[in-house]
Amino acid sequence: MKKISKRIKLAQGKVEEGKFYSVPEALIAIKELPKAKFDESVEIAVHLNMDPKKTETVVRGTVVLPSGTGRKRRIIVFCKGEAEAQAKEAGADYVGANDLIEKVLKGFMDFDCVVATPDMMKDVSKLGKVLGPRGLMPSPKTGTVTNNVSGAIKELKAGKVEFKVDKQSGMHLSIGKSSFSQDALEKNINAFLEALNQVRPASIKGQFIKSLYLSTTMGPGFKLKV
C-alpha cells in the first residue's frame, strides 16, 4: 500500500467535508495548502449535465484568460509568403511550410500551440495522426486556422486556451499557477465560466453545470457552489 506523505495529509485536512465553497473561499484555502517543490497549476474540473454522444450538444470553445496561463507557450506556424514575416514579427517560435511539416513528421514536437493559414491546411492534414491525439490540430473553430496569423499568435501568448467536453461529460482546464494572486486566479475562473456558459447548447434544459471542483496539481479538490 502506497504511503501518504505528510504534506498530502495536511492538504487533505484543509478540505471541509460536505462543504460547497465559493470561488474566493476555495482560493483562500488553496493559498493555505502546504507548498510543493514546484509552482503547481491551479485547475478547474467541470461535470456537465449533457450526453456527449449527441453531436448537437458538443461543448467546445476558447477563452483568453485575462491573467494569462503562467507559462511560456511555444508556437509553431505553418504558412508561406508574406505570412511568414508576420508570424516571425508576432513572436512565433517556429515558422515554415512543407519543410516544417516534414520535420514534425520525423518527430519534432518542441511546441505547445499550432497555427496555420487556410492555404496550408491541405498539407497540414498529413499531421492529423501526430497532432490530433495531442489536441494540437489547428481549427477554424478555435481561431488557429486563419490568415491573421499575427492576431492568433498574440491571443495565444496573451493566454488564449481551448476547452472541450470529454466522453464522460467532463472538462479540465488549467486556469493559472499557485503563485498567481487570488485576484488574478479569480479573474481567470470567471472568464472561463462566462465563456463556458456562452457555448451552452440550446437543447440542454435545466442545470447546465452539475459540479465544479478547484484544485492544484498535487492538492485535493474543493467543491464549488454551482
Protein backbone atom coordinates (compact mmCIF):
# COMPACT_ATOMS: atom_id res chain seq x y z
CA MET A 1 0.00 0.00 0.00
CA LYS A 2 1.36 3.39 -1.03
CA LYS A 3 2.27 5.60 1.93
CA ILE A 4 0.57 9.03 2.00
CA SER A 5 3.05 11.83 2.58
CA LYS A 6 2.74 14.26 5.46
CA ARG A 7 2.21 17.14 3.01
CA ILE A 8 -0.73 15.38 1.31
CA LYS A 9 -2.29 14.52 4.68
CA LEU A 10 -2.06 18.18 5.74
CA ALA A 11 -3.55 19.28 2.41
CA GLN A 12 -6.46 16.84 2.65
CA GLY A 13 -7.15 18.15 6.15
CA LYS A 14 -7.85 21.59 4.69
CA VAL A 15 -10.99 20.35 2.90
CA GLU A 16 -14.19 20.58 4.95
CA GLU A 17 -16.29 17.50 4.23
CA GLY A 18 -19.64 18.29 2.62
CA LYS A 19 -18.87 21.98 2.20
CA PHE A 20 -19.57 23.86 -1.03
CA TYR A 21 -17.01 26.64 -1.44
CA SER A 22 -17.40 29.99 -3.14
CA VAL A 23 -14.58 30.75 -5.59
CA PRO A 24 -12.89 33.21 -3.15
CA GLU A 25 -13.18 30.70 -0.28
CA ALA A 26 -11.64 27.91 -2.38
CA LEU A 27 -8.79 30.16 -3.49
CA ILE A 28 -8.05 31.22 0.09
CA ALA A 29 -7.93 27.53 1.09
CA ILE A 30 -5.66 26.70 -1.86
CA LYS A 31 -3.28 29.51 -0.86
CA GLU A 32 -3.04 27.93 2.62
CA LEU A 33 -2.13 24.46 1.32
CA PRO A 34 1.38 23.09 2.01
CA LYS A 35 3.58 24.06 -0.91
CA ALA A 36 5.01 21.57 -3.40
CA LYS A 37 8.59 21.89 -4.68
CA PHE A 38 7.36 23.49 -7.91
CA ASP A 39 4.83 26.12 -8.95
CA GLU A 40 1.70 23.99 -9.24
CA SER A 41 -1.06 24.65 -11.75
CA VAL A 42 -4.48 25.61 -10.44
CA GLU A 43 -7.05 23.50 -12.24
CA ILE A 44 -10.80 23.59 -12.61
CA ALA A 45 -12.81 20.41 -13.26
CA VAL A 46 -16.35 20.61 -14.58
CA HIS A 47 -19.05 17.96 -14.96
CA LEU A 48 -21.83 18.99 -17.33
CA ASN A 49 -25.46 17.92 -17.48
CA MET A 50 -25.37 16.55 -21.03
CA ASP A 51 -24.96 13.50 -23.23
CA PRO A 52 -21.61 13.84 -25.06
CA LYS A 53 -22.68 11.19 -27.58
CA LYS A 54 -25.17 13.63 -29.09
CA THR A 55 -23.32 15.77 -31.61
CA GLU A 56 -25.76 18.66 -31.18
CA THR A 57 -24.69 19.01 -27.55
CA VAL A 58 -20.92 19.04 -28.06
CA VAL A 59 -19.50 21.82 -25.90
CA ARG A 60 -16.33 23.44 -27.19
CA GLY A 61 -14.88 26.91 -27.14
CA THR A 62 -11.95 29.19 -26.39
CA VAL A 63 -11.25 31.87 -23.83
CA VAL A 64 -8.47 34.40 -23.32
CA LEU A 65 -7.54 34.14 -19.64
CA PRO A 66 -7.09 37.76 -18.54
CA SER A 67 -4.25 36.89 -16.14
CA GLY A 68 -2.52 34.57 -18.62
CA THR A 69 -1.63 30.90 -18.20
CA GLY A 70 1.54 31.32 -16.20
CA ARG A 71 3.80 29.56 -18.65
CA LYS A 72 5.63 30.41 -21.84
CA ARG A 73 3.95 28.84 -24.83
CA ARG A 74 5.99 27.71 -27.81
CA ILE A 75 4.08 28.43 -31.01
CA ILE A 76 4.62 26.83 -34.41
CA VAL A 77 3.08 28.39 -37.52
CA PHE A 78 2.57 26.68 -40.87
CA CYS A 79 2.44 29.38 -43.53
CA LYS A 80 4.29 30.79 -46.52
CA GLY A 81 4.85 34.07 -48.33
CA GLU A 82 4.09 37.32 -46.52
CA ALA A 83 2.51 35.43 -43.61
CA GLU A 84 5.95 34.07 -42.64
CA ALA A 85 7.29 37.55 -41.91
CA GLN A 86 4.11 38.42 -39.96
CA ALA A 87 4.40 35.26 -37.86
CA LYS A 88 8.05 35.89 -37.02
CA GLU A 89 7.37 39.53 -36.14
CA ALA A 90 4.49 38.44 -33.84
CA GLY A 91 6.85 36.16 -31.92
CA ALA A 92 6.22 32.67 -33.31
CA ASP A 93 8.90 30.21 -32.23
CA TYR A 94 8.92 28.16 -35.44
CA VAL A 95 7.67 29.23 -38.87
CA GLY A 96 7.66 27.32 -42.15
CA ALA A 97 5.73 25.39 -44.75
CA ASN A 98 6.28 21.88 -46.12
CA ASP A 99 9.83 21.71 -44.75
CA LEU A 100 8.45 22.26 -41.25
CA ILE A 101 5.68 19.71 -41.81
CA GLU A 102 8.31 17.11 -42.72
CA LYS A 103 10.29 17.98 -39.60
CA VAL A 104 7.22 17.32 -37.41
CA LEU A 105 6.52 14.07 -39.25
CA LYS A 106 10.04 12.98 -38.34
CA GLY A 107 9.38 13.52 -34.63
CA PHE A 108 9.88 17.21 -33.85
CA MET A 109 7.35 18.16 -31.15
CA ASP A 110 9.03 21.04 -29.30
CA PHE A 111 5.92 23.27 -29.32
CA ASP A 112 2.66 23.82 -27.40
CA CYS A 113 0.37 25.59 -29.91
CA VAL A 114 -0.15 25.30 -33.65
CA VAL A 115 -1.38 27.97 -36.07
CA ALA A 116 -1.84 27.54 -39.84
CA THR A 117 -3.08 29.61 -42.75
CA PRO A 118 -6.04 28.15 -44.71
CA ASP A 119 -3.91 27.53 -47.82
CA MET A 120 -1.61 25.26 -45.79
CA MET A 121 -4.30 23.01 -44.30
CA LYS A 122 -4.27 20.51 -47.16
CA ASP A 123 -0.63 19.75 -46.34
CA VAL A 124 -1.01 20.18 -42.55
CA SER A 125 -3.72 17.49 -42.64
CA LYS A 126 -0.85 14.97 -43.02
CA LEU A 127 -0.09 15.70 -39.36
CA GLY A 128 -3.55 14.66 -38.15
CA LYS A 129 -2.34 11.43 -36.54
CA VAL A 130 0.51 13.30 -34.84
CA LEU A 131 -1.23 16.48 -33.70
CA GLY A 132 -4.79 15.18 -33.24
CA PRO A 133 -4.19 12.88 -30.23
CA ARG A 134 -2.32 15.73 -28.50
CA GLY A 135 -5.14 18.22 -29.11
CA LEU A 136 -2.85 20.40 -31.23
CA MET A 137 -4.53 20.21 -34.64
CA PRO A 138 -5.33 23.75 -35.82
CA SER A 139 -9.00 24.52 -36.43
CA PRO A 140 -11.08 27.47 -37.70
CA LYS A 141 -13.36 26.98 -34.65
CA THR A 142 -10.54 27.85 -32.28
CA GLY A 143 -9.12 30.62 -34.46
CA THR A 144 -5.91 28.71 -35.16
CA VAL A 145 -6.62 28.37 -38.90
CA THR A 146 -6.53 31.96 -40.09
CA ASN A 147 -4.88 34.40 -42.45
CA ASN A 148 -4.41 36.73 -39.49
CA VAL A 149 -1.51 34.75 -38.03
CA SER A 150 -0.25 37.78 -36.13
CA GLY A 151 -3.55 38.13 -34.26
CA ALA A 152 -3.73 34.41 -33.49
CA ILE A 153 -0.19 34.39 -32.08
CA LYS A 154 -0.84 37.45 -29.90
CA GLU A 155 -4.01 35.85 -28.46
CA LEU A 156 -2.20 32.61 -27.66
CA LYS A 157 0.62 34.48 -25.97
CA ALA A 158 -1.93 36.55 -24.03
CA GLY A 159 -3.49 33.41 -22.55
CA LYS A 160 -6.00 32.04 -25.06
CA VAL A 161 -6.90 28.41 -24.28
CA GLU A 162 -9.31 25.89 -25.73
CA PHE A 163 -11.81 23.84 -23.73
CA LYS A 164 -13.83 20.85 -24.88
CA VAL A 165 -16.13 18.35 -23.18
CA ASP A 166 -14.81 14.77 -22.97
CA LYS A 167 -16.58 11.43 -23.35
CA GLN A 168 -17.61 11.46 -19.68
CA SER A 169 -19.29 14.89 -19.94
CA GLY A 170 -16.32 16.37 -18.11
CA MET A 171 -13.85 19.14 -18.75
CA HIS A 172 -10.49 20.02 -17.15
CA LEU A 173 -8.63 23.26 -17.59
CA SER A 174 -5.56 24.85 -16.04
CA ILE A 175 -6.50 28.41 -15.11
CA GLY A 176 -3.19 29.67 -13.75
CA LYS A 177 -0.42 28.95 -11.26
CA SER A 178 -0.31 28.74 -7.47
CA SER A 179 2.00 31.75 -7.50
CA PHE A 180 -0.74 33.91 -9.05
CA SER A 181 -2.56 36.32 -6.76
CA GLN A 182 -6.05 35.40 -5.63
CA ASP A 183 -7.46 38.24 -7.75
CA ALA A 184 -5.64 37.02 -10.89
CA LEU A 185 -6.92 33.47 -10.43
CA GLU A 186 -10.46 34.68 -9.75
CA LYS A 187 -10.45 36.72 -12.97
CA ASN A 188 -9.35 33.66 -14.96
CA ILE A 189 -12.01 31.43 -13.37
CA ASN A 190 -14.77 33.96 -14.03
CA ALA A 191 -13.65 34.42 -17.64
CA PHE A 192 -13.71 30.66 -18.22
CA LEU A 193 -17.15 30.16 -16.63
CA GLU A 194 -18.55 33.04 -18.68
CA ALA A 195 -17.12 31.56 -21.89
CA LEU A 196 -18.46 28.12 -20.96
CA ASN A 197 -21.98 29.45 -20.45
CA GLN A 198 -21.80 31.29 -23.77
CA VAL A 199 -21.39 27.98 -25.66
CA ARG A 200 -24.18 26.20 -23.77
CA PRO A 201 -26.24 24.27 -26.35
CA ALA A 202 -29.86 25.44 -26.57
CA SER A 203 -31.02 21.80 -26.39
CA ILE A 204 -29.76 21.41 -22.81
CA LYS A 205 -32.57 22.11 -20.39
CA GLY A 206 -32.31 22.77 -16.67
CA GLN A 207 -28.99 22.99 -14.85
CA PHE A 208 -26.04 23.07 -17.25
CA ILE A 209 -23.15 22.64 -14.80
CA LYS A 210 -23.63 19.66 -12.46
CA SER A 211 -20.45 20.08 -10.45
CA LEU A 212 -17.31 22.21 -10.20
CA TYR A 213 -14.04 21.45 -8.42
CA LEU A 214 -10.96 23.57 -7.93
CA SER A 215 -7.57 22.06 -7.09
CA THR A 216 -3.82 22.34 -7.55
CA THR A 217 -1.72 19.78 -9.42
CA MET A 218 -0.84 17.87 -6.25
CA GLY A 219 -3.63 19.07 -3.98
CA PRO A 220 -7.16 17.99 -3.01
CA GLY A 221 -10.31 19.21 -4.77
CA PHE A 222 -12.55 21.92 -3.34
CA LYS A 223 -16.17 21.58 -4.46
CA LEU A 224 -17.53 24.90 -5.67
CA LYS A 225 -21.04 26.28 -5.42
CA VAL A 226 -22.72 25.98 -8.82
